[in-house]
N, C-alpha and C. Protein backbone atom coordinates (compact mmCIF):
# COMPACT_ATOMS: atom_id res chain seq x y z
N UNK A 1 -4.14 -28.50 9.47
CA UNK A 1 -3.93 -27.59 8.31
C UNK A 1 -3.10 -28.40 7.32
N UNK A 2 -3.35 -28.50 6.07
CA UNK A 2 -2.75 -28.83 4.92
C UNK A 2 -1.62 -27.88 4.53
N UNK A 3 -0.72 -28.35 4.15
CA UNK A 3 0.59 -27.72 3.78
C UNK A 3 0.17 -26.88 2.56
N UNK A 4 0.77 -25.62 2.52
CA UNK A 4 0.36 -24.65 1.38
C UNK A 4 1.25 -24.66 0.27
N UNK A 5 0.95 -24.64 -0.75
CA UNK A 5 1.78 -24.99 -1.97
C UNK A 5 2.48 -23.24 -2.36
N UNK A 6 2.49 -22.29 -1.45
CA UNK A 6 3.15 -21.09 -1.86
C UNK A 6 3.88 -20.70 -0.84
N UNK A 7 5.24 -20.42 -1.20
CA UNK A 7 6.30 -19.86 -0.27
C UNK A 7 6.49 -18.49 -0.76
N UNK A 8 6.39 -17.43 0.15
CA UNK A 8 6.55 -16.15 -0.18
C UNK A 8 8.03 -15.72 -0.30
N UNK A 9 8.41 -14.59 -0.81
CA UNK A 9 9.77 -14.53 -1.13
C UNK A 9 9.89 -12.85 -0.79
N UNK A 10 11.22 -12.47 -0.09
CA UNK A 10 11.37 -11.48 0.21
C UNK A 10 10.68 -11.11 1.73
N UNK A 11 10.02 -9.56 1.64
CA UNK A 11 9.62 -9.42 3.02
C UNK A 11 7.98 -9.51 2.55
N UNK A 12 7.57 -10.72 2.21
CA UNK A 12 6.19 -10.75 1.80
C UNK A 12 5.68 -11.60 2.88
N UNK A 13 4.44 -11.92 3.15
CA UNK A 13 3.59 -12.69 4.32
C UNK A 13 2.76 -13.33 3.90
N UNK A 14 2.41 -14.66 3.78
CA UNK A 14 0.97 -15.12 3.56
C UNK A 14 0.17 -15.33 4.35
N UNK A 15 -0.93 -14.58 4.18
CA UNK A 15 -2.36 -14.72 5.30
C UNK A 15 -3.46 -15.15 4.87
N UNK A 16 -4.40 -15.41 5.57
CA UNK A 16 -5.71 -16.17 5.31
C UNK A 16 -6.54 -15.20 6.11
N UNK A 17 -7.55 -14.46 5.46
CA UNK A 17 -8.60 -13.74 6.32
C UNK A 17 -9.48 -14.86 7.04
N UNK A 18 -9.82 -14.02 8.22
CA UNK A 18 -10.65 -14.87 9.13
C UNK A 18 -12.18 -14.32 8.99
N UNK A 19 -12.76 -15.09 8.45
CA UNK A 19 -14.40 -14.71 7.96
C UNK A 19 -15.06 -14.29 9.44
N UNK A 20 -15.82 -13.35 8.92
CA UNK A 20 -16.60 -12.95 10.41
C UNK A 20 -17.86 -13.62 10.27
N UNK A 21 -18.44 -14.17 11.43
CA UNK A 21 -19.84 -14.60 11.22
C UNK A 21 -20.97 -13.56 10.57
N UNK A 22 -21.88 -14.00 9.69
CA UNK A 22 -22.84 -12.94 9.08
C UNK A 22 -23.89 -12.91 10.18
N UNK A 23 -24.31 -11.35 10.39
CA UNK A 23 -25.05 -11.03 11.28
C UNK A 23 -26.32 -10.42 10.53
N UNK A 24 -27.56 -10.98 10.94
CA UNK A 24 -28.56 -10.45 10.45
C UNK A 24 -29.24 -9.39 11.56
N UNK A 25 -29.93 -8.25 11.36
CA UNK A 25 -30.09 -7.36 12.33
C UNK A 25 -31.44 -6.75 11.65
N UNK A 26 -32.47 -7.16 12.46
CA UNK A 26 -33.63 -6.53 12.22
C UNK A 26 -34.15 -7.29 10.69
N UNK A 27 -33.74 -8.41 10.31
CA UNK A 27 -33.97 -8.73 9.05
C UNK A 27 -33.44 -8.18 7.77
N UNK A 28 -32.62 -7.54 8.05
CA UNK A 28 -32.05 -7.14 6.53
C UNK A 28 -30.75 -7.75 6.72
N UNK A 29 -30.15 -8.20 5.46
CA UNK A 29 -29.08 -8.85 5.12
C UNK A 29 -28.09 -7.75 4.03
N UNK A 30 -27.04 -7.68 4.40
CA UNK A 30 -26.15 -6.79 3.87
C UNK A 30 -25.50 -7.43 2.97
N UNK A 31 -25.55 -6.99 1.40
CA UNK A 31 -24.93 -7.53 0.55
C UNK A 31 -23.68 -7.58 0.68
N UNK A 32 -22.61 -8.77 -0.07
CA UNK A 32 -21.24 -8.57 0.27
C UNK A 32 -20.46 -7.37 -0.28
N UNK A 33 -21.15 -6.66 -1.22
CA UNK A 33 -20.34 -5.68 -1.79
C UNK A 33 -20.24 -4.46 -1.00
N UNK A 34 -21.25 -4.38 0.10
CA UNK A 34 -21.58 -3.40 0.81
C UNK A 34 -20.49 -3.55 2.33
N UNK A 35 -20.19 -4.64 2.31
CA UNK A 35 -19.42 -4.96 3.58
C UNK A 35 -18.28 -4.50 3.49
N UNK A 36 -17.55 -4.27 4.71
CA UNK A 36 -16.06 -3.92 4.88
C UNK A 36 -15.09 -5.14 4.71
N UNK A 37 -14.03 -4.72 4.11
CA UNK A 37 -13.45 -5.83 4.01
C UNK A 37 -12.76 -6.32 5.55
N UNK A 38 -12.43 -7.61 5.46
CA UNK A 38 -12.16 -8.16 6.87
C UNK A 38 -10.78 -7.63 6.92
N UNK A 39 -10.28 -7.13 8.24
CA UNK A 39 -9.03 -6.79 8.35
C UNK A 39 -8.30 -7.89 9.28
N UNK A 40 -8.79 -8.84 10.01
CA UNK A 40 -8.07 -9.81 10.79
C UNK A 40 -7.66 -11.05 9.86
N UNK A 41 -6.12 -11.41 10.13
CA UNK A 41 -5.97 -12.61 8.83
C UNK A 41 -4.73 -13.50 9.97
N UNK A 42 -4.80 -14.61 9.66
CA UNK A 42 -3.68 -15.66 10.41
C UNK A 42 -2.57 -15.56 9.42
N UNK A 43 -1.41 -15.41 9.92
CA UNK A 43 -0.20 -15.63 9.04
C UNK A 43 -0.04 -17.23 8.90
N UNK A 44 0.09 -17.56 7.62
CA UNK A 44 0.28 -18.85 7.18
C UNK A 44 1.57 -19.18 7.04
N UNK A 45 2.41 -18.27 6.05
CA UNK A 45 3.73 -18.59 5.85
C UNK A 45 4.66 -17.13 5.72
N UNK A 46 6.00 -17.38 5.91
CA UNK A 46 6.74 -15.98 5.70
C UNK A 46 7.66 -16.26 4.71
N UNK A 47 8.11 -14.77 4.18
CA UNK A 47 9.19 -15.14 3.11
C UNK A 47 10.55 -15.21 3.47
N UNK A 48 11.57 -14.70 2.92
CA UNK A 48 12.75 -14.95 3.40
C UNK A 48 13.24 -13.56 3.98
N UNK A 49 12.34 -12.71 4.03
CA UNK A 49 12.99 -11.53 5.00
C UNK A 49 13.52 -10.49 4.07
N UNK A 50 13.47 -9.20 4.71
CA UNK A 50 13.92 -7.80 4.25
C UNK A 50 15.34 -7.80 4.44
N UNK A 51 15.91 -7.43 3.07
CA UNK A 51 17.27 -6.86 3.11
C UNK A 51 17.68 -5.59 3.66
N UNK A 52 18.72 -5.54 4.56
CA UNK A 52 19.13 -4.05 5.01
C UNK A 52 20.15 -3.58 3.98
N UNK A 53 20.81 -2.52 4.21
CA UNK A 53 21.51 -1.70 3.11
C UNK A 53 22.95 -2.67 3.13
N UNK A 54 23.31 -3.43 4.17
CA UNK A 54 24.44 -4.27 3.92
C UNK A 54 23.97 -5.68 3.33
N UNK A 55 22.99 -6.02 2.64
CA UNK A 55 22.75 -7.23 2.36
C UNK A 55 21.96 -8.16 3.37
N UNK A 56 22.11 -7.95 4.56
CA UNK A 56 21.79 -9.06 5.59
C UNK A 56 20.27 -9.17 5.54
N UNK A 57 19.55 -10.19 6.10
CA UNK A 57 18.00 -10.27 6.04
C UNK A 57 17.93 -9.95 7.45
N UNK A 58 16.81 -9.15 7.53
CA UNK A 58 16.30 -8.86 9.14
C UNK A 58 15.05 -9.94 9.36
N UNK A 59 14.79 -9.94 10.74
CA UNK A 59 13.82 -11.18 11.15
C UNK A 59 12.62 -10.22 11.03
N UNK A 60 11.44 -11.21 10.79
CA UNK A 60 10.08 -10.62 10.71
C UNK A 60 9.78 -10.17 12.31
N UNK A 61 8.69 -9.52 12.38
CA UNK A 61 8.27 -9.26 13.60
C UNK A 61 6.75 -9.90 13.83
N UNK A 62 6.56 -10.87 12.98
CA UNK A 62 5.29 -11.62 12.91
C UNK A 62 5.85 -13.07 13.10
N UNK A 63 5.08 -14.13 13.36
CA UNK A 63 5.49 -15.43 13.14
C UNK A 63 4.11 -16.23 12.55
N UNK A 64 4.41 -17.59 11.92
CA UNK A 64 3.21 -18.32 11.60
C UNK A 64 2.56 -18.39 12.88
N UNK A 65 1.11 -18.53 12.54
CA UNK A 65 0.05 -18.66 13.47
C UNK A 65 -0.18 -17.54 14.24
N UNK A 66 0.53 -16.40 14.07
CA UNK A 66 -0.22 -14.87 14.82
C UNK A 66 -1.34 -14.43 13.91
N UNK A 67 -2.31 -13.87 14.81
CA UNK A 67 -3.40 -13.08 14.42
C UNK A 67 -3.25 -11.86 13.93
N UNK A 68 -3.21 -11.11 12.75
CA UNK A 68 -2.83 -9.75 12.47
C UNK A 68 -3.73 -9.06 12.03
N UNK A 69 -3.71 -7.84 12.28
CA UNK A 69 -4.70 -6.62 11.45
C UNK A 69 -3.91 -6.26 10.36
N UNK A 70 -4.55 -6.19 9.26
CA UNK A 70 -4.11 -5.54 7.94
C UNK A 70 -4.80 -4.35 7.38
N UNK A 71 -4.12 -3.78 6.57
CA UNK A 71 -4.67 -2.40 5.93
C UNK A 71 -5.73 -3.00 4.93
N UNK A 72 -6.69 -2.52 4.85
CA UNK A 72 -7.67 -2.93 4.13
C UNK A 72 -7.69 -3.05 2.46
N UNK A 73 -6.70 -2.35 1.75
CA UNK A 73 -6.67 -2.55 0.48
C UNK A 73 -4.96 -3.03 0.32
N UNK A 74 -4.49 -3.41 1.25
CA UNK A 74 -2.89 -3.68 0.47
C UNK A 74 -2.77 -5.17 0.32
N UNK A 75 -1.90 -5.75 -0.40
CA UNK A 75 -1.75 -7.05 -0.96
C UNK A 75 -2.32 -7.65 -2.07
N UNK A 76 -2.07 -8.92 -2.57
CA UNK A 76 -2.65 -9.41 -3.49
C UNK A 76 -3.43 -10.68 -3.14
N UNK A 77 -4.69 -10.89 -3.63
CA UNK A 77 -5.26 -12.21 -3.37
C UNK A 77 -4.75 -13.15 -4.39
N UNK A 78 -4.80 -14.40 -3.51
CA UNK A 78 -4.53 -15.66 -4.48
C UNK A 78 -5.31 -16.78 -4.02
N UNK A 79 -5.66 -17.77 -4.94
CA UNK A 79 -6.42 -18.75 -4.66
C UNK A 79 -5.81 -20.19 -4.96
N UNK A 80 -5.72 -21.08 -4.07
CA UNK A 80 -4.94 -22.25 -3.99
C UNK A 80 -5.68 -23.53 -3.52
N UNK A 81 -6.16 -24.13 -4.38
CA UNK A 81 -6.49 -25.28 -4.00
C UNK A 81 -8.04 -25.02 -3.46
N UNK A 82 -8.88 -24.04 -4.08
CA UNK A 82 -9.95 -23.63 -3.46
C UNK A 82 -10.06 -22.71 -2.16
N UNK A 83 -9.08 -22.69 -1.72
CA UNK A 83 -8.55 -21.45 -0.67
C UNK A 83 -8.15 -20.18 -0.92
N UNK A 84 -8.61 -19.08 -0.45
CA UNK A 84 -8.44 -17.81 -0.81
C UNK A 84 -7.26 -17.39 0.22
N UNK A 85 -6.19 -16.75 -0.08
CA UNK A 85 -5.10 -16.41 0.74
C UNK A 85 -4.86 -14.86 0.33
N UNK A 86 -4.09 -14.41 0.88
CA UNK A 86 -3.62 -12.76 0.46
C UNK A 86 -1.91 -12.61 0.64
N UNK A 87 -1.29 -12.45 -0.05
CA UNK A 87 0.23 -12.05 0.02
C UNK A 87 0.33 -10.49 0.39
N UNK A 88 1.00 -10.15 1.45
CA UNK A 88 1.26 -8.87 1.81
C UNK A 88 2.37 -8.48 2.16
N UNK A 89 2.86 -7.32 2.10
CA UNK A 89 4.34 -7.03 2.43
C UNK A 89 4.12 -6.76 4.03
N UNK A 90 5.36 -7.29 4.57
CA UNK A 90 5.30 -7.01 6.23
C UNK A 90 4.81 -5.49 6.52
N UNK A 91 4.93 -4.51 5.78
CA UNK A 91 4.79 -3.11 5.99
C UNK A 91 3.24 -2.84 6.04
N UNK A 92 2.43 -3.91 5.50
CA UNK A 92 1.05 -3.65 5.39
C UNK A 92 0.20 -4.13 6.47
N UNK A 93 0.83 -5.00 7.43
CA UNK A 93 0.49 -5.36 8.69
C UNK A 93 0.75 -4.38 9.50
N UNK A 94 -0.43 -4.06 10.36
CA UNK A 94 -0.89 -2.84 11.00
C UNK A 94 -0.48 -3.01 12.74
N UNK A 95 -0.53 -4.42 12.95
CA UNK A 95 -0.26 -5.30 14.39
C UNK A 95 -0.60 -6.30 14.49
N UNK A 96 -0.12 -7.02 15.71
CA UNK A 96 -0.63 -8.46 15.99
C UNK A 96 -1.60 -8.43 17.54
N UNK A 97 -2.52 -9.08 17.03
CA UNK A 97 -3.76 -9.37 17.90
C UNK A 97 -3.15 -10.34 19.02
N UNK A 98 -3.10 -9.75 20.18
CA UNK A 98 -2.72 -10.72 21.37
C UNK A 98 -3.79 -10.82 22.37
């Protein structure tokens, strides 16, 4: 995997969606606009961490390489070197897939 040129800050996490394979059922192809947004993603990079009331950084509950479930409409999409990524807050991560 090539090194990504984005370093998240604060409690943000850089993720890349895992594309689901397109399935055709009964010869019907569902257009992209009607498909659900993928919720599974791989953690690519972590920010510096959230600050508590005393100004200390708290540790992330996820680590680079984890597969996670995201809320469908959270975060901001970015495109770097032809690859699509999403910057989300750690709060937008619903869980880790084990």
